[in-house]
Amino acid sequence: MKDAFKKLNEMAAELKPDAIDFAQRLIRIPSLPGEEKTVSELYVAEMKKIGYDEVHRDEWGNIIGIIKGDEPGPTIMYNGHLDHVPEGDRSLWQGYNPYGGTIDVVEVDNQDMNGTELAEVIHGRGAGDTKGGDACIVYTGKALLKLRAMGYKLKGNYMVTIVSMEEAGDQVGMVQLTDITLPKMGWDYDGLISVEPTHLTIALGHRGRVELVVSVYGKVSHGSAPWLGINAVDKSTRLIDKVANELPRNFPADPDLGKSSIALTVINCSPGALCIVPEQCDITFDRRFVPGETPESCLQEIQDIIDEIAREDPEFKAEVRIAESERTFYTGNSTVIANKKNAWKMPAEHPFVQAMAQALEEVGQPVKYEYWYFGTDLSKSCATDRKPSLGYSPMQEQYIHTPFDKVRTDYMEKSIAGYAASFLKLMELPKEAFKLE
């Protein structure tokens, strides 16, 4: 298998035009969360055309493509998502159609983001999150099929999953895939590589997130006689002040992921009408946390503040909860899910990570590590499912969710070689190498 690595860069160059064309076709299909049906059909058709051994679309709209190995071995999931965020104000797109998939050469940041260089890119919403990377993992499958046709024996299984509703932020598509669909299919996975943006570095973790909603209760009265009521908004101010100015003093920090944080993101009152003192004020906090903390421990911190204020003010009444949302998939199925995801971090010395690093070295790419500042579905795979997980992709974080959304085509070519090399390395690992402490 050693000489197979020498063929991967050449294969990636050969597959680059097809991967670019596929990425353009993906970008040209708008696929907001819950509206991914048309783009899902394109993924299915492309994988069938390439010759994947199995291609499925589950009841939640997730896409699964599998290339089976010739011999027993691990199943490695390469994971992206179908949906994207809205395009926003089209006047900010510098003349590009957000769904045009236009290719040209522009000045972009280099890999280390300490300078710029000219590079060919594909423009469009989702190019950098994650349609550019999705196209690469789909066409990596073609590289592996070429190796198999040349007589190389593949161990284990190459599994591509493109999940629905990722941008909703609560892992709902991934949860349905791993908890319901894969068990129904009789499949499991041993490790996961995500195509969330990493600019060809290896991403090893991010903070957790939980959405906490505090409801502060008062007593309604006419606005002309506020002394007859209890203003819920007024009562909220002390809690808001403590959360903003006192709570963060004791927040822990992780040397790689940074410090925990909290931000007030939404505030509403009811009835919310003229001449009426509000009887309820709902405040939403975005709480980011590091390993060692949990959504439940974050909730308890707010509860402690509520209890403290209530002891000093008999009129203060409030409760805190983890927000839940009902999500309806494009297939018509719905589910309710809590708005939370756990923190996770992979040790750089773990065999799974080291195999990825060795794979990049095999195809002549530098090995660099990073940690995401945003959240991903790897909270489910690594923190909850306890599967070794990491990120690696051609896309650059600074362009995603902006009118400058783009993906470098030279990075796409490199990532195809990197993904294929990673599978060849990971399939040789013994079963115990996939364990997490």
Protein backbone atom coordinates (compact mmCIF):
# COMPACT_ATOMS: atom_id res chain seq x y z
CA MET A 1 0.00 0.00 0.00
CA LYS A 2 3.00 2.30 0.47
CA ASP A 3 3.27 3.09 -3.24
CA ALA A 4 -0.46 3.97 -3.35
CA PHE A 5 0.29 7.23 -1.55
CA LYS A 6 2.54 8.27 -4.44
CA LYS A 7 -0.43 8.15 -6.80
CA LEU A 8 -2.77 10.30 -4.74
CA ASN A 9 -1.57 13.78 -5.76
CA GLU A 10 -1.76 12.77 -9.42
CA MET A 11 -5.26 11.35 -8.88
CA ALA A 12 -6.36 14.50 -7.07
CA ALA A 13 -5.21 16.62 -10.01
CA GLU A 14 -7.15 14.39 -12.40
CA LEU A 15 -10.31 14.57 -10.26
CA LYS A 16 -10.07 18.31 -9.58
CA PRO A 17 -12.13 19.44 -12.63
CA ASP A 18 -14.98 17.05 -11.78
CA ALA A 19 -14.94 18.08 -8.11
CA ILE A 20 -15.03 21.76 -9.09
CA ASP A 21 -17.91 21.17 -11.47
CA PHE A 22 -19.81 19.27 -8.78
CA ALA A 23 -19.21 22.03 -6.23
CA GLN A 24 -20.52 24.62 -8.69
CA ARG A 25 -23.68 22.60 -9.30
CA LEU A 26 -24.20 22.25 -5.54
CA ILE A 27 -23.79 26.00 -4.99
CA ARG A 28 -26.31 26.79 -7.72
CA ILE A 29 -29.05 25.02 -5.73
CA PRO A 30 -30.24 27.06 -2.72
CA SER A 31 -30.56 24.76 0.30
CA LEU A 32 -31.62 26.59 3.43
CA PRO A 33 -32.30 24.43 6.51
CA GLY A 34 -35.42 22.39 5.91
CA GLU A 35 -35.30 23.15 2.16
CA GLU A 36 -32.55 20.77 1.05
CA LYS A 37 -34.54 18.26 -1.03
CA THR A 38 -33.32 19.34 -4.47
CA VAL A 39 -29.65 19.51 -3.49
CA SER A 40 -29.94 16.16 -1.70
CA GLU A 41 -30.97 14.57 -4.98
CA LEU A 42 -27.83 15.90 -6.61
CA TYR A 43 -25.62 14.28 -3.95
CA VAL A 44 -27.41 10.96 -4.40
CA ALA A 45 -27.13 11.08 -8.19
CA GLU A 46 -23.43 12.00 -8.10
CA MET A 47 -22.46 9.21 -5.74
CA LYS A 48 -24.41 6.69 -7.78
CA LYS A 49 -22.70 7.93 -10.96
CA ILE A 50 -19.27 7.59 -9.33
CA GLY A 51 -20.08 4.02 -8.31
CA TYR A 52 -20.46 4.03 -4.52
CA ASP A 53 -21.41 0.56 -3.26
CA GLU A 54 -24.34 1.95 -1.26
CA VAL A 55 -26.17 5.29 -1.46
CA HIS A 56 -29.05 6.10 0.89
CA ARG A 57 -31.26 9.00 1.88
CA ASP A 58 -32.86 8.49 5.28
CA GLU A 59 -36.22 9.62 6.64
CA TRP A 60 -34.59 12.79 8.03
CA GLY A 61 -33.07 13.75 4.67
CA ASN A 62 -29.48 12.79 5.51
CA ILE A 63 -27.38 11.35 2.66
CA ILE A 64 -25.14 8.32 3.21
CA GLY A 65 -22.70 6.95 0.65
CA ILE A 66 -20.50 3.92 1.37
CA ILE A 67 -17.54 2.34 -0.39
CA LYS A 68 -16.93 -1.07 1.11
CA GLY A 69 -13.45 -2.37 1.70
CA ASP A 70 -12.14 -5.69 0.43
CA GLU A 71 -11.08 -6.70 3.92
CA PRO A 72 -12.37 -6.07 7.47
CA GLY A 73 -11.36 -2.80 9.06
CA PRO A 74 -12.69 0.44 10.53
CA THR A 75 -15.52 2.50 9.12
CA ILE A 76 -14.40 6.12 8.79
CA MET A 77 -17.10 8.75 8.37
CA TYR A 78 -16.34 11.83 6.27
CA ASN A 79 -19.02 14.34 7.19
CA GLY A 80 -20.48 17.52 5.70
CA HIS A 81 -23.93 19.11 5.54
CA LEU A 82 -26.61 19.92 2.98
CA ASP A 83 -27.73 23.33 4.20
CA HIS A 84 -26.35 26.83 4.36
CA VAL A 85 -27.22 30.17 5.96
CA PRO A 86 -29.23 32.83 4.03
CA GLU A 87 -27.35 34.88 1.45
CA GLY A 88 -28.16 38.16 3.22
CA ASP A 89 -28.00 41.49 1.39
CA ARG A 90 -27.14 40.74 -2.24
CA SER A 91 -25.71 44.25 -2.71
CA LEU A 92 -22.76 43.22 -0.50
CA TRP A 93 -21.70 40.31 -2.74
CA GLN A 94 -19.33 42.48 -4.86
CA GLY A 95 -21.27 41.70 -8.01
CA TYR A 96 -21.25 37.92 -7.57
CA ASN A 97 -24.46 35.91 -7.67
CA PRO A 98 -24.68 34.04 -4.32
CA TYR A 99 -25.98 31.04 -6.25
CA GLY A 100 -23.87 31.49 -9.37
CA GLY A 101 -20.88 29.28 -8.56
CA THR A 102 -18.67 31.74 -10.46
CA ILE A 103 -14.98 30.89 -10.84
CA ASP A 104 -12.27 33.52 -11.08
CA VAL A 105 -8.87 34.46 -9.67
CA VAL A 106 -8.87 36.83 -6.70
CA GLU A 107 -6.67 37.91 -3.83
CA VAL A 108 -7.28 35.70 -0.79
CA ASP A 109 -5.70 35.05 2.59
CA ASN A 110 -2.87 32.56 2.71
CA GLN A 111 -3.08 29.49 4.90
CA ASP A 112 -1.62 31.20 7.97
CA MET A 113 -3.77 34.33 7.47
CA ASN A 114 -0.70 36.55 7.73
CA GLY A 115 -0.66 37.59 4.08
CA THR A 116 -2.55 37.39 0.82
CA GLU A 117 -2.01 35.68 -2.52
CA LEU A 118 -3.80 35.20 -5.82
CA ALA A 119 -5.80 32.00 -6.15
CA GLU A 120 -8.61 30.56 -8.23
CA VAL A 121 -11.82 30.34 -6.20
CA ILE A 122 -15.46 29.35 -6.53
CA HIS A 123 -17.82 32.03 -5.20
CA GLY A 124 -21.24 31.45 -3.70
CA ARG A 125 -23.28 30.77 -0.60
CA GLY A 126 -22.19 27.49 0.93
CA ALA A 127 -18.96 27.32 -1.08
CA GLY A 128 -17.01 27.52 2.14
CA ASP A 129 -19.56 25.87 4.43
CA THR A 130 -19.61 23.09 3.32
CA LYS A 131 -20.33 22.47 -0.37
CA GLY A 132 -16.72 22.91 -1.50
CA GLY A 133 -15.58 20.32 1.02
CA ASP A 134 -18.55 18.06 0.34
CA ALA A 135 -17.57 17.85 -3.33
CA CYS A 136 -14.07 16.83 -2.29
CA ILE A 137 -15.09 13.97 0.00
CA VAL A 138 -17.53 12.69 -2.62
CA TYR A 139 -14.77 12.65 -5.25
CA THR A 140 -12.28 11.18 -2.81
CA GLY A 141 -14.53 8.15 -3.07
CA LYS A 142 -13.73 8.03 -6.78
CA ALA A 143 -10.00 8.07 -5.99
CA LEU A 144 -10.45 5.10 -3.66
CA LEU A 145 -12.47 3.25 -6.29
CA LYS A 146 -9.65 3.87 -8.78
CA LEU A 147 -7.17 2.37 -6.31
CA ARG A 148 -9.44 -0.62 -5.81
CA ALA A 149 -9.67 -1.11 -9.59
CA MET A 150 -5.88 -1.03 -9.75
CA GLY A 151 -5.72 -3.97 -7.36
CA TYR A 152 -5.10 -2.23 -4.05
CA LYS A 153 -6.99 -3.86 -1.19
CA LEU A 154 -9.00 -1.47 0.93
CA LYS A 155 -9.73 -2.31 4.55
CA GLY A 156 -12.86 -1.19 6.33
CA ASN A 157 -15.37 1.23 4.82
CA TYR A 158 -15.29 4.75 3.48
CA MET A 159 -18.54 6.44 4.57
CA VAL A 160 -19.64 9.87 3.32
CA THR A 161 -22.49 11.51 5.24
CA ILE A 162 -24.06 14.82 4.25
CA VAL A 163 -26.51 15.73 6.99
CA SER A 164 -29.54 17.99 6.98
CA MET A 165 -30.33 20.96 9.23
CA GLU A 166 -26.76 21.46 10.50
CA GLU A 167 -27.02 25.24 10.40
CA ALA A 168 -29.87 25.07 12.91
CA GLY A 169 -27.03 24.69 15.42
CA ASP A 170 -28.34 21.82 17.51
CA GLN A 171 -26.88 18.79 15.68
CA VAL A 172 -30.37 17.57 14.86
CA GLY A 173 -29.54 15.92 11.52
CA MET A 174 -26.44 14.31 12.96
CA VAL A 175 -28.33 13.05 16.01
CA GLN A 176 -30.97 11.40 13.85
CA LEU A 177 -28.29 9.89 11.60
CA THR A 178 -26.15 8.35 14.32
CA ASP A 179 -28.85 7.44 16.84
CA ILE A 180 -31.56 6.20 14.48
CA THR A 181 -30.51 5.70 10.85
CA LEU A 182 -27.15 3.95 11.17
CA PRO A 183 -28.40 1.43 13.77
CA LYS A 184 -31.41 0.70 11.53
CA MET A 185 -29.04 0.08 8.62
CA GLY A 186 -26.82 -2.15 10.74
CA TRP A 187 -23.90 0.28 10.47
CA ASP A 188 -21.67 2.04 12.97
CA TYR A 189 -18.60 4.21 12.55
CA ASP A 190 -15.20 4.15 14.26
CA GLY A 191 -13.99 7.69 13.67
CA LEU A 192 -15.01 10.89 11.91
CA ILE A 193 -13.37 13.55 9.76
CA SER A 194 -15.43 16.71 9.24
CA VAL A 195 -15.24 19.02 6.24
CA GLU A 196 -16.10 22.10 8.32
CA PRO A 197 -13.63 24.88 7.34
CA THR A 198 -9.99 24.42 8.43
CA HIS A 199 -7.84 25.81 5.55
CA LEU A 200 -6.02 22.45 5.26
CA THR A 201 -5.08 22.35 8.95
CA ILE A 202 -6.25 19.71 11.44
CA ALA A 203 -8.95 20.98 13.80
CA LEU A 204 -8.97 19.30 17.20
CA GLY A 205 -11.83 20.79 19.19
CA HIS A 206 -14.11 23.64 20.12
CA ARG A 207 -16.06 24.95 23.10
CA GLY A 208 -19.52 23.68 23.91
CA ARG A 209 -22.66 25.76 23.58
CA VAL A 210 -25.98 25.87 25.41
CA GLU A 211 -28.88 28.25 24.91
CA LEU A 212 -30.32 29.21 28.28
CA VAL A 213 -33.67 30.97 28.62
CA VAL A 214 -34.54 32.83 31.83
CA SER A 215 -38.16 33.80 32.40
CA VAL A 216 -38.62 36.56 34.97
CA TYR A 217 -42.18 36.99 36.25
CA GLY A 218 -43.94 40.10 37.47
CA LYS A 219 -47.50 41.34 37.80
CA VAL A 220 -49.37 43.12 35.05
CA SER A 221 -50.91 46.54 35.62
CA HIS A 222 -51.92 49.60 33.64
CA GLY A 223 -48.97 51.73 32.58
CA SER A 224 -50.50 54.74 34.28
CA ALA A 225 -50.35 52.97 37.65
CA PRO A 226 -47.08 51.00 37.69
CA TRP A 227 -47.17 50.76 41.50
CA LEU A 228 -50.06 48.34 41.17
CA GLY A 229 -47.94 45.87 39.24
CA ILE A 230 -44.47 44.31 39.29
CA ASN A 231 -42.49 45.19 36.20
CA ALA A 232 -40.82 41.99 34.98
CA VAL A 233 -38.33 43.94 32.84
CA ASP A 234 -37.24 46.05 35.81
CA LYS A 235 -36.83 42.89 37.87
CA SER A 236 -34.66 41.40 35.11
CA THR A 237 -32.06 44.13 35.23
CA ARG A 238 -30.32 42.88 38.35
CA LEU A 239 -30.04 39.37 36.97
CA ILE A 240 -28.71 40.68 33.64
CA ASP A 241 -26.11 42.74 35.48
CA LYS A 242 -24.92 39.79 37.58
CA VAL A 243 -24.72 37.49 34.55
CA ALA A 244 -22.77 40.06 32.55
CA ASN A 245 -20.42 41.38 35.22
CA GLU A 246 -20.10 38.86 38.05
CA LEU A 247 -20.58 35.40 36.57
CA PRO A 248 -17.68 35.56 34.05
CA ARG A 249 -15.17 36.31 36.83
CA ASN A 250 -15.12 32.64 37.72
CA PHE A 251 -15.26 31.20 34.22
CA PRO A 252 -12.57 28.58 33.52
CA ALA A 253 -10.27 28.67 30.52
CA ASP A 254 -8.78 25.94 28.36
CA PRO A 255 -5.23 26.46 27.05
CA ASP A 256 -6.33 25.59 23.51
CA LEU A 257 -10.03 26.47 23.34
CA GLY A 258 -9.91 29.71 25.31
CA LYS A 259 -12.15 30.98 28.09
CA SER A 260 -15.80 30.24 28.67
CA SER A 261 -18.16 33.10 27.82
CA ILE A 262 -21.78 34.19 27.98
CA ALA A 263 -23.72 36.66 25.85
CA LEU A 264 -27.25 37.99 26.10
CA THR A 265 -28.67 37.47 22.60
CA VAL A 266 -32.46 37.91 22.82
CA ILE A 267 -34.82 39.71 25.21
CA ASN A 268 -38.62 39.84 24.97
CA CYS A 269 -41.42 40.92 27.27
CA SER A 270 -45.11 40.24 27.37
CA PRO A 271 -47.70 41.49 26.83
CA GLY A 272 -45.31 43.91 25.12
CA ALA A 273 -47.98 46.54 24.48
CA LEU A 274 -48.43 50.24 25.15
CA CYS A 275 -49.79 51.27 28.53
CA ILE A 276 -49.23 47.82 30.06
CA VAL A 277 -46.59 46.95 32.68
CA PRO A 278 -45.02 43.67 31.43
CA GLU A 279 -45.72 40.59 33.52
CA GLN A 280 -43.00 38.42 31.97
CA CYS A 281 -39.53 39.00 30.57
CA ASP A 282 -37.73 36.23 28.68
CA ILE A 283 -33.96 36.51 28.29
CA THR A 284 -31.86 34.20 26.11
CA PHE A 285 -28.18 33.68 26.87
CA ASP A 286 -25.62 32.07 24.55
CA ARG A 287 -23.24 30.24 26.90
CA ARG A 288 -19.99 28.82 25.54
CA PHE A 289 -18.09 26.44 27.77
CA VAL A 290 -14.91 24.39 27.93
CA PRO A 291 -14.29 20.72 28.78
CA GLY A 292 -15.09 20.09 32.43
CA GLU A 293 -18.29 22.11 32.19
CA THR A 294 -21.63 20.81 30.95
CA PRO A 295 -24.91 22.36 29.79
CA GLU A 296 -26.36 21.35 33.15
CA SER A 297 -23.59 23.00 35.14
CA CYS A 298 -24.06 26.19 33.11
CA LEU A 299 -27.77 26.12 33.89
CA GLN A 300 -27.04 25.67 37.59
CA GLU A 301 -24.89 28.83 37.62
CA ILE A 302 -27.89 30.86 36.47
CA GLN A 303 -30.13 29.08 38.94
CA ASP A 304 -27.75 30.06 41.75
CA ILE A 305 -28.04 33.72 40.71
CA ILE A 306 -31.83 33.46 40.64
CA ASP A 307 -31.83 31.94 44.12
CA GLU A 308 -29.49 34.64 45.45
CA ILE A 309 -31.65 37.50 44.15
CA ALA A 310 -34.86 35.82 45.37
CA ARG A 311 -33.49 35.61 48.90
CA GLU A 312 -32.91 39.36 48.90
CA ASP A 313 -36.03 40.38 46.98
CA PRO A 314 -39.28 38.55 47.84
CA GLU A 315 -40.94 39.94 44.69
CA PHE A 316 -38.32 38.41 42.39
CA LYS A 317 -39.52 35.23 40.71
CA ALA A 318 -37.73 33.55 37.81
CA GLU A 319 -36.84 30.19 36.30
CA VAL A 320 -34.17 29.05 33.87
CA ARG A 321 -34.28 26.27 31.30
CA ILE A 322 -32.33 24.91 28.35
CA ALA A 323 -34.09 26.04 25.20
CA GLU A 324 -35.71 23.45 22.96
CA SER A 325 -36.73 23.76 19.33
CA GLU A 326 -38.96 21.78 17.04
CA ARG A 327 -37.20 21.04 13.76
CA THR A 328 -39.07 19.99 10.63
CA PHE A 329 -36.98 18.31 7.95
CA TYR A 330 -37.59 18.60 4.23
CA THR A 331 -38.91 15.04 4.33
CA GLY A 332 -41.78 16.23 6.52
CA ASN A 333 -40.57 14.53 9.70
CA SER A 334 -40.27 16.63 12.85
CA THR A 335 -38.52 16.28 16.17
CA VAL A 336 -37.89 18.39 19.27
CA ILE A 337 -34.29 18.84 20.34
CA ALA A 338 -32.47 20.74 23.09
CA ASN A 339 -30.29 23.61 21.93
CA LYS A 340 -27.00 22.37 23.33
CA LYS A 341 -23.76 20.78 22.27
CA ASN A 342 -20.88 19.62 24.42
CA ALA A 343 -17.30 20.81 24.36
CA TRP A 344 -14.73 18.41 22.92
CA LYS A 345 -11.01 18.27 22.32
CA MET A 346 -8.82 15.60 20.74
CA PRO A 347 -5.26 15.12 22.04
CA ALA A 348 -2.73 15.75 19.26
CA GLU A 349 -0.91 12.57 20.28
CA HIS A 350 -3.96 10.33 19.84
CA PRO A 351 -3.35 7.59 17.21
CA PHE A 352 -6.29 8.85 15.12
CA VAL A 353 -4.81 12.35 14.94
CA GLN A 354 -1.30 11.09 14.32
CA ALA A 355 -2.52 8.91 11.46
CA MET A 356 -4.08 12.01 9.90
CA ALA A 357 -0.83 13.92 10.36
CA GLN A 358 1.17 11.11 8.75
CA ALA A 359 -1.30 11.03 5.86
CA LEU A 360 -0.75 14.71 5.14
CA GLU A 361 3.00 14.20 5.24
CA GLU A 362 2.65 11.36 2.72
CA VAL A 363 1.10 13.74 0.20
CA GLY A 364 3.50 16.58 0.92
CA GLN A 365 1.26 18.82 3.02
CA PRO A 366 2.42 20.62 6.18
CA VAL A 367 0.91 19.44 9.45
CA LYS A 368 -0.70 22.26 11.42
CA TYR A 369 -3.26 22.16 14.20
CA GLU A 370 -6.04 24.54 15.15
CA TYR A 371 -9.17 24.77 17.28
CA TRP A 372 -12.49 26.08 16.01
CA TYR A 373 -14.12 29.13 17.57
CA PHE A 374 -17.54 28.01 16.25
CA GLY A 375 -19.55 24.87 16.99
CA THR A 376 -19.88 21.77 14.81
CA ASP A 377 -21.54 18.35 14.75
CA LEU A 378 -18.34 16.87 16.17
CA SER A 379 -19.81 17.58 19.58
CA LYS A 380 -22.06 14.61 18.81
CA SER A 381 -19.42 12.32 17.34
CA CYS A 382 -16.61 13.01 19.82
CA ALA A 383 -18.18 14.26 23.06
CA THR A 384 -21.36 12.15 22.99
CA ASP A 385 -20.63 9.12 20.79
CA ARG A 386 -17.02 8.97 22.00
CA LYS A 387 -15.59 8.44 18.52
CA PRO A 388 -12.23 10.02 17.67
CA SER A 389 -12.96 13.03 15.49
CA LEU A 390 -11.18 15.91 13.79
CA GLY A 391 -11.69 18.50 11.09
CA TYR A 392 -9.78 18.91 7.82
CA SER A 393 -10.99 20.76 4.74
CA PRO A 394 -10.11 23.12 1.89
CA MET A 395 -12.35 25.92 3.13
CA GLN A 396 -11.32 29.03 5.07
CA GLU A 397 -13.28 30.04 8.17
CA GLN A 398 -13.00 33.80 7.69
CA TYR A 399 -15.13 33.73 4.52
CA ILE A 400 -18.06 31.61 5.69
CA HIS A 401 -21.45 33.14 6.55
CA THR A 402 -20.33 36.35 4.79
CA PRO A 403 -20.88 37.89 1.33
CA PHE A 404 -17.31 36.78 0.55
CA ASP A 405 -18.15 33.07 0.74
CA LYS A 406 -15.70 31.16 -1.45
CA VAL A 407 -13.46 28.10 -1.67
CA ARG A 408 -10.00 27.85 -3.22
CA THR A 409 -9.77 25.29 -6.02
CA ASP A 410 -6.08 24.57 -5.32
CA TYR A 411 -7.06 23.70 -1.74
CA MET A 412 -9.81 21.44 -3.08
CA GLU A 413 -7.25 19.46 -5.05
CA LYS A 414 -4.99 19.18 -2.02
CA SER A 415 -7.85 18.07 0.20
CA ILE A 416 -8.84 15.22 -2.13
CA ALA A 417 -5.30 13.87 -1.76
CA GLY A 418 -5.43 14.51 1.99
CA TYR A 419 -8.76 12.73 2.49
CA ALA A 420 -7.70 9.72 0.44
CA ALA A 421 -4.37 9.49 2.27
CA SER A 422 -6.14 9.75 5.63
CA PHE A 423 -8.36 6.78 4.81
CA LEU A 424 -5.37 4.69 3.71
CA LYS A 425 -3.61 5.49 6.98
CA LEU A 426 -6.62 5.06 9.24
CA MET A 427 -7.64 1.73 7.76
CA GLU A 428 -4.36 0.26 8.99
CA LEU A 429 -4.95 1.22 12.63
CA PRO A 430 -5.83 -1.55 15.08
CA LYS A 431 -9.24 -1.45 16.74
CA GLU A 432 -7.84 -0.23 20.07
CA ALA A 433 -6.43 2.86 18.36
CA PHE A 434 -9.97 4.23 18.04
CA LYS A 435 -10.66 4.29 21.77
CA LEU A 436 -11.09 7.55 23.66
CA GLU A 437 -10.22 7.89 27.31
